[in-house]
């Protein structure tokens, strides 16, 4: 993956996204797709994520999360943020 193809996004997910394996599925899917970043639950019931990879990889991750049986994403806030060159893995926070 070349640097010009790499993007990083801040995503905030709303809906039925806590207590349904969201972070586990995000972690597993990100590793499978070669994405880096992190995911964590927020106090308000939402889930925050920073995800880095190609646009196609990120869209595939979102499709994988949307196809999960117990997860119901009702809204996603999305913001492009600077790439973190030194990041090498995806973590659950």
PDB file of N, CA and C in Angstrom:
ATOM      1  N   UNK A   1       0.853  -1.176   0.000  1.00  0.00           N
ATOM      2  CA  UNK A   1       0.000   0.000   0.000  1.00  0.00           C
ATOM      3  C   UNK A   1       0.891   1.229   0.000  1.00  0.00           C
ATOM      4  N   UNK A   2       0.736   2.092  -0.939  1.00  0.00           N
ATOM      5  CA  UNK A   2       1.543   3.313  -0.986  1.00  0.00           C
ATOM      6  C   UNK A   2       0.922   4.376  -0.091  1.00  0.00           C
ATOM      7  N   UNK A   3       1.737   5.319   0.358  1.00  0.00           N
ATOM      8  CA  UNK A   3       1.273   6.346   1.285  1.00  0.00           C
ATOM      9  C   UNK A   3       0.152   7.195   0.707  1.00  0.00           C
ATOM     10  N   UNK A   4       0.188   7.453  -0.590  1.00  0.00           N
ATOM     11  CA  UNK A   4      -0.863   8.317  -1.144  1.00  0.00           C
ATOM     12  C   UNK A   4      -2.218   7.626  -1.149  1.00  0.00           C
ATOM     13  N   UNK A   5      -2.242   6.291  -1.089  1.00  0.00           N
ATOM     14  CA  UNK A   5      -3.507   5.569  -1.016  1.00  0.00           C
ATOM     15  C   UNK A   5      -4.012   5.453   0.415  1.00  0.00           C
ATOM     16  N   UNK A   6      -3.127   5.604   1.375  1.00  0.00           N
ATOM     17  CA  UNK A   6      -3.491   5.420   2.778  1.00  0.00           C
ATOM     18  C   UNK A   6      -4.267   6.620   3.297  1.00  0.00           C
ATOM     19  N   UNK A   7      -5.377   6.333   3.951  1.00  0.00           N
ATOM     20  CA  UNK A   7      -6.182   7.366   4.593  1.00  0.00           C
ATOM     21  C   UNK A   7      -6.410   6.944   6.040  1.00  0.00           C
ATOM     22  N   UNK A   8      -6.763   7.900   6.874  1.00  0.00           N
ATOM     23  CA  UNK A   8      -7.121   7.623   8.261  1.00  0.00           C
ATOM     24  C   UNK A   8      -8.415   8.354   8.555  1.00  0.00           C
ATOM     25  N   UNK A   9      -9.317   7.659   9.198  1.00  0.00           N
ATOM     26  CA  UNK A   9     -10.619   8.236   9.507  1.00  0.00           C
ATOM     27  C   UNK A   9     -10.925   8.069  10.990  1.00  0.00           C
ATOM     28  N   UNK A  10     -11.563   9.109  11.523  1.00  0.00           N
ATOM     29  CA  UNK A  10     -12.165   9.023  12.848  1.00  0.00           C
ATOM     30  C   UNK A  10     -13.637   8.722  12.611  1.00  0.00           C
ATOM     31  N   UNK A  11     -14.129   7.659  13.231  1.00  0.00           N
ATOM     32  CA  UNK A  11     -15.518   7.256  13.074  1.00  0.00           C
ATOM     33  C   UNK A  11     -16.167   7.144  14.443  1.00  0.00           C
ATOM     34  N   UNK A  12     -17.392   7.602  14.557  1.00  0.00           N
ATOM     35  CA  UNK A  12     -18.166   7.429  15.781  1.00  0.00           C
ATOM     36  C   UNK A  12     -19.474   6.757  15.393  1.00  0.00           C
ATOM     37  N   UNK A  13     -19.716   5.579  15.970  1.00  0.00           N
ATOM     38  CA  UNK A  13     -20.860   4.749  15.630  1.00  0.00           C
ATOM     39  C   UNK A  13     -21.943   4.885  16.685  1.00  0.00           C
ATOM     40  N   UNK A  14     -23.184   5.028  16.216  1.00  0.00           N
ATOM     41  CA  UNK A  14     -24.357   5.087  17.089  1.00  0.00           C
ATOM     42  C   UNK A  14     -25.310   3.968  16.705  1.00  0.00           C
ATOM     43  N   UNK A  15     -26.069   3.504  17.673  1.00  0.00           N
ATOM     44  CA  UNK A  15     -27.032   2.432  17.453  1.00  0.00           C
ATOM     45  C   UNK A  15     -26.835   1.358  18.502  1.00  0.00           C
ATOM     46  N   UNK A  16     -27.091   0.117  18.127  1.00  0.00           N
ATOM     47  CA  UNK A  16     -26.830  -1.007  19.034  1.00  0.00           C
ATOM     48  C   UNK A  16     -25.399  -1.461  18.759  1.00  0.00           C
ATOM     49  N   UNK A  17     -24.444  -0.792  19.429  1.00  0.00           N
ATOM     50  CA  UNK A  17     -23.029  -1.011  19.147  1.00  0.00           C
ATOM     51  C   UNK A  17     -22.207  -1.357  20.393  1.00  0.00           C
ATOM     52  N   UNK A  18     -22.841  -1.361  21.571  1.00  0.00           N
ATOM     53  CA  UNK A  18     -22.145  -1.811  22.781  1.00  0.00           C
ATOM     54  C   UNK A  18     -22.840  -3.050  23.315  1.00  0.00           C
ATOM     55  N   UNK A  19     -22.041  -3.984  23.837  1.00  0.00           N
ATOM     56  CA  UNK A  19     -22.597  -5.215  24.391  1.00  0.00           C
ATOM     57  C   UNK A  19     -23.015  -6.222  23.342  1.00  0.00           C
ATOM     58  N   UNK A  20     -22.566  -6.029  22.102  1.00  0.00           N
ATOM     59  CA  UNK A  20     -22.959  -6.924  21.000  1.00  0.00           C
ATOM     60  C   UNK A  20     -21.738  -7.448  20.227  1.00  0.00           C
ATOM     61  N   UNK A  21     -20.544  -7.315  20.805  1.00  0.00           N
ATOM     62  CA  UNK A  21     -19.337  -7.810  20.143  1.00  0.00           C
ATOM     63  C   UNK A  21     -18.773  -6.872  19.093  1.00  0.00           C
ATOM     64  N   UNK A  22     -19.169  -5.609  19.125  1.00  0.00           N
ATOM     65  CA  UNK A  22     -18.715  -4.654  18.110  1.00  0.00           C
ATOM     66  C   UNK A  22     -17.199  -4.526  18.090  1.00  0.00           C
ATOM     67  N   UNK A  23     -16.601  -4.284  19.264  1.00  0.00           N
ATOM     68  CA  UNK A  23     -15.151  -4.078  19.313  1.00  0.00           C
ATOM     69  C   UNK A  23     -14.397  -5.334  18.913  1.00  0.00           C
ATOM     70  N   UNK A  24     -14.858  -6.494  19.359  1.00  0.00           N
ATOM     71  CA  UNK A  24     -14.229  -7.752  18.973  1.00  0.00           C
ATOM     72  C   UNK A  24     -14.288  -7.935  17.456  1.00  0.00           C
ATOM     73  N   UNK A  25     -15.469  -7.727  16.875  1.00  0.00           N
ATOM     74  CA  UNK A  25     -15.625  -7.881  15.428  1.00  0.00           C
ATOM     75  C   UNK A  25     -14.800  -6.853  14.661  1.00  0.00           C
ATOM     76  N   UNK A  26     -14.748  -5.619  15.166  1.00  0.00           N
ATOM     77  CA  UNK A  26     -13.932  -4.588  14.512  1.00  0.00           C
ATOM     78  C   UNK A  26     -12.465  -4.984  14.539  1.00  0.00           C
ATOM     79  N   UNK A  27     -12.001  -5.480  15.688  1.00  0.00           N
ATOM     80  CA  UNK A  27     -10.597  -5.898  15.837  1.00  0.00           C
ATOM     81  C   UNK A  27     -10.278  -7.042  14.878  1.00  0.00           C
ATOM     82  N   UNK A  28     -11.101  -8.075  14.889  1.00  0.00           N
ATOM     83  CA  UNK A  28     -10.894  -9.233  14.028  1.00  0.00           C
ATOM     84  C   UNK A  28     -10.902  -8.833  12.546  1.00  0.00           C
ATOM     85  N   UNK A  29     -11.885  -8.029  12.157  1.00  0.00           N
ATOM     86  CA  UNK A  29     -12.011  -7.619  10.758  1.00  0.00           C
ATOM     87  C   UNK A  29     -10.856  -6.732  10.326  1.00  0.00           C
ATOM     88  N   UNK A  30     -10.446  -5.803  11.202  1.00  0.00           N
ATOM     89  CA  UNK A  30      -9.319  -4.912  10.878  1.00  0.00           C
ATOM     90  C   UNK A  30      -8.047  -5.716  10.674  1.00  0.00           C
ATOM     91  N   UNK A  31      -7.789  -6.692  11.543  1.00  0.00           N
ATOM     92  CA  UNK A  31      -6.598  -7.534  11.394  1.00  0.00           C
ATOM     93  C   UNK A  31      -6.657  -8.325  10.096  1.00  0.00           C
ATOM     94  N   UNK A  32      -7.813  -8.877   9.793  1.00  0.00           N
ATOM     95  CA  UNK A  32      -8.004  -9.664   8.573  1.00  0.00           C
ATOM     96  C   UNK A  32      -7.751  -8.816   7.319  1.00  0.00           C
ATOM     97  N   UNK A  33      -8.148  -7.531   7.372  1.00  0.00           N
ATOM     98  CA  UNK A  33      -8.025  -6.640   6.220  1.00  0.00           C
ATOM     99  C   UNK A  33      -6.699  -5.879   6.175  1.00  0.00           C
ATOM    100  N   UNK A  34      -5.871  -6.009   7.218  1.00  0.00           N
ATOM    101  CA  UNK A  34      -4.587  -5.308   7.246  1.00  0.00           C
ATOM    102  C   UNK A  34      -4.697  -3.840   7.621  1.00  0.00           C
ATOM    103  N   UNK A  35      -5.746  -3.477   8.359  1.00  0.00           N
ATOM    104  CA  UNK A  35      -5.946  -2.101   8.794  1.00  0.00           C
ATOM    105  C   UNK A  35      -5.285  -1.865  10.149  1.00  0.00           C
ATOM    106  N   UNK A  36      -4.969  -0.612  10.435  1.00  0.00           N
ATOM    107  CA  UNK A  36      -4.436  -0.250  11.742  1.00  0.00           C
ATOM    108  C   UNK A  36      -5.352   0.778  12.389  1.00  0.00           C
ATOM    109  N   UNK A  37      -5.166   0.989  13.696  1.00  0.00           N
ATOM    110  CA  UNK A  37      -5.954   1.977  14.420  1.00  0.00           C
ATOM    111  C   UNK A  37      -6.375   1.456  15.766  1.00  0.00           C
ATOM    112  N   UNK A  38      -7.543   1.903  16.210  1.00  0.00           N
ATOM    113  CA  UNK A  38      -8.074   1.491  17.514  1.00  0.00           C
ATOM    114  C   UNK A  38      -9.580   1.670  17.556  1.00  0.00           C
ATOM    115  N   UNK A  39     -10.192   1.022  18.551  1.00  0.00           N
ATOM    116  CA  UNK A  39     -11.631   1.119  18.781  1.00  0.00           C
ATOM    117  C   UNK A  39     -11.872   1.130  20.283  1.00  0.00           C
ATOM    118  N   UNK A  40     -12.887   1.895  20.732  1.00  0.00           N
ATOM    119  CA  UNK A  40     -13.227   1.916  22.158  1.00  0.00           C
ATOM    120  C   UNK A  40     -14.686   2.308  22.354  1.00  0.00           C
ATOM    121  N   UNK A  41     -15.250   1.821  23.471  1.00  0.00           N
ATOM    122  CA  UNK A  41     -16.592   2.211  23.875  1.00  0.00           C
ATOM    123  C   UNK A  41     -16.544   3.595  24.498  1.00  0.00           C
ATOM    124  N   UNK A  42     -17.613   4.351  24.327  1.00  0.00           N
ATOM    125  CA  UNK A  42     -17.743   5.667  24.946  1.00  0.00           C
ATOM    126  C   UNK A  42     -18.853   5.633  25.986  1.00  0.00           C
ATOM    127  N   UNK A  43     -18.823   6.551  26.902  1.00  0.00           N
ATOM    128  CA  UNK A  43     -19.770   6.610  28.023  1.00  0.00           C
ATOM    129  C   UNK A  43     -21.219   6.777  27.568  1.00  0.00           C
ATOM    130  N   UNK A  44     -21.418   7.380  26.405  1.00  0.00           N
ATOM    131  CA  UNK A  44     -22.781   7.659  25.930  1.00  0.00           C
ATOM    132  C   UNK A  44     -23.414   6.505  25.147  1.00  0.00           C
ATOM    133  N   UNK A  45     -22.741   5.357  25.106  1.00  0.00           N
ATOM    134  CA  UNK A  45     -23.275   4.204  24.382  1.00  0.00           C
ATOM    135  C   UNK A  45     -22.805   4.095  22.951  1.00  0.00           C
ATOM    136  N   UNK A  46     -22.033   5.072  22.500  1.00  0.00           N
ATOM    137  CA  UNK A  46     -21.469   5.027  21.139  1.00  0.00           C
ATOM    138  C   UNK A  46     -20.120   4.302  21.174  1.00  0.00           C
ATOM    139  N   UNK A  47     -19.558   4.074  20.002  1.00  0.00           N
ATOM    140  CA  UNK A  47     -18.229   3.480  19.863  1.00  0.00           C
ATOM    141  C   UNK A  47     -17.403   4.382  18.969  1.00  0.00           C
ATOM    142  N   UNK A  48     -16.186   4.705  19.418  1.00  0.00           N
ATOM    143  CA  UNK A  48     -15.252   5.507  18.621  1.00  0.00           C
ATOM    144  C   UNK A  48     -14.206   4.609  17.985  1.00  0.00           C
ATOM    145  N   UNK A  49     -13.768   5.007  16.788  1.00  0.00           N
ATOM    146  CA  UNK A  49     -12.733   4.258  16.088  1.00  0.00           C
ATOM    147  C   UNK A  49     -11.880   5.213  15.276  1.00  0.00           C
ATOM    148  N   UNK A  50     -10.582   4.954  15.277  1.00  0.00           N
ATOM    149  CA  UNK A  50      -9.692   5.542  14.275  1.00  0.00           C
ATOM    150  C   UNK A  50      -9.204   4.370  13.452  1.00  0.00           C
ATOM    151  N   UNK A  51      -9.353   4.482  12.138  1.00  0.00           N
ATOM    152  CA  UNK A  51      -9.025   3.383  11.244  1.00  0.00           C
ATOM    153  C   UNK A  51      -8.167   3.895  10.101  1.00  0.00           C
ATOM    154  N   UNK A  52      -7.137   3.140   9.758  1.00  0.00           N
ATOM    155  CA  UNK A  52      -6.176   3.564   8.741  1.00  0.00           C
ATOM    156  C   UNK A  52      -5.933   2.439   7.746  1.00  0.00           C
ATOM    157  N   UNK A  53      -6.002   2.796   6.480  1.00  0.00           N
ATOM    158  CA  UNK A  53      -5.779   1.865   5.377  1.00  0.00           C
ATOM    159  C   UNK A  53      -6.257   2.515   4.098  1.00  0.00           C
ATOM    160  N   UNK A  54      -6.554   1.717   3.095  1.00  0.00           N
ATOM    161  CA  UNK A  54      -7.098   2.301   1.872  1.00  0.00           C
ATOM    162  C   UNK A  54      -8.594   2.531   2.054  1.00  0.00           C
ATOM    163  N   UNK A  55      -9.145   3.393   1.245  1.00  0.00           N
ATOM    164  CA  UNK A  55     -10.591   3.651   1.290  1.00  0.00           C
ATOM    165  C   UNK A  55     -11.361   2.356   1.072  1.00  0.00           C
ATOM    166  N   UNK A  56     -10.907   1.519   0.140  1.00  0.00           N
ATOM    167  CA  UNK A  56     -11.586   0.254  -0.151  1.00  0.00           C
ATOM    168  C   UNK A  56     -11.559  -0.679   1.061  1.00  0.00           C
ATOM    169  N   UNK A  57     -10.413  -0.754   1.751  1.00  0.00           N
ATOM    170  CA  UNK A  57     -10.314  -1.600   2.946  1.00  0.00           C
ATOM    171  C   UNK A  57     -11.272  -1.113   4.036  1.00  0.00           C
ATOM    172  N   UNK A  58     -11.335   0.197   4.222  1.00  0.00           N
ATOM    173  CA  UNK A  58     -12.201   0.763   5.262  1.00  0.00           C
ATOM    174  C   UNK A  58     -13.667   0.504   4.929  1.00  0.00           C
ATOM    175  N   UNK A  59     -14.050   0.657   3.668  1.00  0.00           N
ATOM    176  CA  UNK A  59     -15.431   0.386   3.264  1.00  0.00           C
ATOM    177  C   UNK A  59     -15.773  -1.095   3.474  1.00  0.00           C
ATOM    178  N   UNK A  60     -14.816  -1.976   3.207  1.00  0.00           N
ATOM    179  CA  UNK A  60     -15.030  -3.413   3.431  1.00  0.00           C
ATOM    180  C   UNK A  60     -15.231  -3.693   4.920  1.00  0.00           C
ATOM    181  N   UNK A  61     -14.445  -3.046   5.776  1.00  0.00           N
ATOM    182  CA  UNK A  61     -14.619  -3.196   7.224  1.00  0.00           C
ATOM    183  C   UNK A  61     -16.027  -2.763   7.641  1.00  0.00           C
ATOM    184  N   UNK A  62     -16.478  -1.630   7.148  1.00  0.00           N
ATOM    185  CA  UNK A  62     -17.819  -1.140   7.487  1.00  0.00           C
ATOM    186  C   UNK A  62     -18.896  -2.124   7.022  1.00  0.00           C
ATOM    187  N   UNK A  63     -18.706  -2.693   5.844  1.00  0.00           N
ATOM    188  CA  UNK A  63     -19.668  -3.683   5.334  1.00  0.00           C
ATOM    189  C   UNK A  63     -19.673  -4.925   6.225  1.00  0.00           C
ATOM    190  N   UNK A  64     -18.501  -5.349   6.678  1.00  0.00           N
ATOM    191  CA  UNK A  64     -18.410  -6.516   7.555  1.00  0.00           C
ATOM    192  C   UNK A  64     -19.129  -6.238   8.879  1.00  0.00           C
ATOM    193  N   UNK A  65     -18.930  -5.058   9.450  1.00  0.00           N
ATOM    194  CA  UNK A  65     -19.595  -4.715  10.707  1.00  0.00           C
ATOM    195  C   UNK A  65     -21.108  -4.637  10.524  1.00  0.00           C
ATOM    196  N   UNK A  66     -21.553  -4.076   9.400  1.00  0.00           N
ATOM    197  CA  UNK A  66     -22.989  -3.960   9.126  1.00  0.00           C
ATOM    198  C   UNK A  66     -23.653  -5.311   8.910  1.00  0.00           C
ATOM    199  N   UNK A  67     -22.877  -6.314   8.530  1.00  0.00           N
ATOM    200  CA  UNK A  67     -23.456  -7.632   8.268  1.00  0.00           C
ATOM    201  C   UNK A  67     -23.533  -8.503   9.525  1.00  0.00           C
ATOM    202  N   UNK A  68     -22.967  -8.045  10.629  1.00  0.00           N
ATOM    203  CA  UNK A  68     -23.008  -8.810  11.867  1.00  0.00           C
ATOM    204  C   UNK A  68     -24.435  -8.873  12.404  1.00  0.00           C
ATOM    205  N   UNK A  69     -24.794 -10.002  12.938  1.00  0.00           N
ATOM    206  CA  UNK A  69     -26.174 -10.284  13.330  1.00  0.00           C
ATOM    207  C   UNK A  69     -26.703  -9.358  14.425  1.00  0.00           C
ATOM    208  N   UNK A  70     -25.907  -9.096  15.473  1.00  0.00           N
ATOM    209  CA  UNK A  70     -26.424  -8.363  16.622  1.00  0.00           C
ATOM    210  C   UNK A  70     -26.095  -6.871  16.595  1.00  0.00           C
ATOM    211  N   UNK A  71     -25.207  -6.478  15.711  1.00  0.00           N
ATOM    212  CA  UNK A  71     -24.820  -5.071  15.610  1.00  0.00           C
ATOM    213  C   UNK A  71     -25.828  -4.341  14.728  1.00  0.00           C
ATOM    214  N   UNK A  72     -26.280  -3.179  15.189  1.00  0.00           N
ATOM    215  CA  UNK A  72     -27.162  -2.344  14.358  1.00  0.00           C
ATOM    216  C   UNK A  72     -26.628  -0.919  14.384  1.00  0.00           C
ATOM    217  N   UNK A  73     -25.953  -0.531  13.314  1.00  0.00           N
ATOM    218  CA  UNK A  73     -25.393   0.817  13.195  1.00  0.00           C
ATOM    219  C   UNK A  73     -26.482   1.722  12.635  1.00  0.00           C
ATOM    220  N   UNK A  74     -26.861   2.738  13.417  1.00  0.00           N
ATOM    221  CA  UNK A  74     -27.907   3.661  12.982  1.00  0.00           C
ATOM    222  C   UNK A  74     -27.331   4.926  12.366  1.00  0.00           C
ATOM    223  N   UNK A  75     -26.138   5.317  12.811  1.00  0.00           N
ATOM    224  CA  UNK A  75     -25.515   6.536  12.293  1.00  0.00           C
ATOM    225  C   UNK A  75     -24.013   6.446  12.493  1.00  0.00           C
ATOM    226  N   UNK A  76     -23.254   7.041  11.569  1.00  0.00           N
ATOM    227  CA  UNK A  76     -21.797   7.117  11.681  1.00  0.00           C
ATOM    228  C   UNK A  76     -21.370   8.555  11.422  1.00  0.00           C
ATOM    229  N   UNK A  77     -20.661   9.130  12.390  1.00  0.00           N
ATOM    230  CA  UNK A  77     -19.984  10.417  12.158  1.00  0.00           C
ATOM    231  C   UNK A  77     -18.610  10.077  11.613  1.00  0.00           C
ATOM    232  N   UNK A  78     -18.195  10.746  10.549  1.00  0.00           N
ATOM    233  CA  UNK A  78     -16.927  10.425   9.895  1.00  0.00           C
ATOM    234  C   UNK A  78     -16.133  11.689   9.653  1.00  0.00           C
ATOM    235  N   UNK A  79     -14.837  11.603   9.931  1.00  0.00           N
ATOM    236  CA  UNK A  79     -13.944  12.739   9.721  1.00  0.00           C
ATOM    237  C   UNK A  79     -12.595  12.214   9.236  1.00  0.00           C
ATOM    238  N   UNK A  80     -12.055  12.808   8.187  1.00  0.00           N
ATOM    239  CA  UNK A  80     -10.707  12.473   7.738  1.00  0.00           C
ATOM    240  C   UNK A  80      -9.706  13.124   8.679  1.00  0.00           C
ATOM    241  N   UNK A  81      -8.710  12.348   9.094  1.00  0.00           N
ATOM    242  CA  UNK A  81      -7.676  12.851  10.004  1.00  0.00           C
ATOM    243  C   UNK A  81      -6.302  12.456   9.458  1.00  0.00           C
ATOM    244  N   UNK A  82      -5.223  13.063   9.984  1.00  0.00           N
ATOM    245  CA  UNK A  82      -3.890  12.762   9.464  1.00  0.00           C
ATOM    246  C   UNK A  82      -3.476  11.302   9.685  1.00  0.00           C
ATOM    247  N   UNK A  83      -2.781  10.747   8.701  1.00  0.00           N
ATOM    248  CA  UNK A  83      -2.241   9.388   8.775  1.00  0.00           C
ATOM    249  C   UNK A  83      -1.168   9.334   9.855  1.00  0.00           C
ATOM    250  N   UNK A  84      -1.135   8.226  10.590  1.00  0.00           N
ATOM    251  CA  UNK A  84      -0.098   7.983  11.599  1.00  0.00           C
ATOM    252  C   UNK A  84       0.891   6.989  11.000  1.00  0.00           C
ATOM    253  N   UNK A  85       2.026   7.502  10.528  1.00  0.00           N
ATOM    254  CA  UNK A  85       3.001   6.675   9.802  1.00  0.00           C
ATOM    255  C   UNK A  85       3.575   5.535  10.639  1.00  0.00           C
ATOM    256  N   UNK A  86       3.693   5.732  11.944  1.00  0.00           N
ATOM    257  CA  UNK A  86       4.370   4.755  12.799  1.00  0.00           C
ATOM    258  C   UNK A  86       3.448   3.654  13.319  1.00  0.00           C
ATOM    259  N   UNK A  87       2.174   3.746  13.031  1.00  0.00           N
ATOM    260  CA  UNK A  87       1.227   2.756  13.560  1.00  0.00           C
ATOM    261  C   UNK A  87       1.347   1.448  12.803  1.00  0.00           C
ATOM    262  N   UNK A  88       1.317   0.321  13.547  1.00  0.00           N
ATOM    263  CA  UNK A  88       1.520  -0.968  12.903  1.00  0.00           C
ATOM    264  C   UNK A  88       0.475  -2.024  13.264  1.00  0.00           C
ATOM    265  N   UNK A  89      -0.498  -1.664  14.140  1.00  0.00           N
ATOM    266  CA  UNK A  89      -1.494  -2.661  14.516  1.00  0.00           C
ATOM    267  C   UNK A  89      -2.825  -2.000  14.847  1.00  0.00           C
ATOM    268  N   UNK A  90      -3.810  -2.841  15.085  1.00  0.00           N
ATOM    269  CA  UNK A  90      -5.142  -2.372  15.484  1.00  0.00           C
ATOM    270  C   UNK A  90      -5.378  -2.833  16.905  1.00  0.00           C
ATOM    271  N   UNK A  91      -5.850  -1.922  17.760  1.00  0.00           N
ATOM    272  CA  UNK A  91      -6.022  -2.219  19.190  1.00  0.00           C
ATOM    273  C   UNK A  91      -7.441  -1.943  19.645  1.00  0.00           C
ATOM    274  N   UNK A  92      -7.866  -2.705  20.650  1.00  0.00           N
ATOM    275  CA  UNK A  92      -9.092  -2.404  21.377  1.00  0.00           C
ATOM    276  C   UNK A  92      -8.664  -1.616  22.605  1.00  0.00           C
ATOM    277  N   UNK A  93      -9.256  -0.462  22.818  1.00  0.00           N
ATOM    278  CA  UNK A  93      -8.908   0.375  23.979  1.00  0.00           C
ATOM    279  C   UNK A  93      -9.966   0.233  25.050  1.00  0.00           C
TER     280      UNK A  93
END
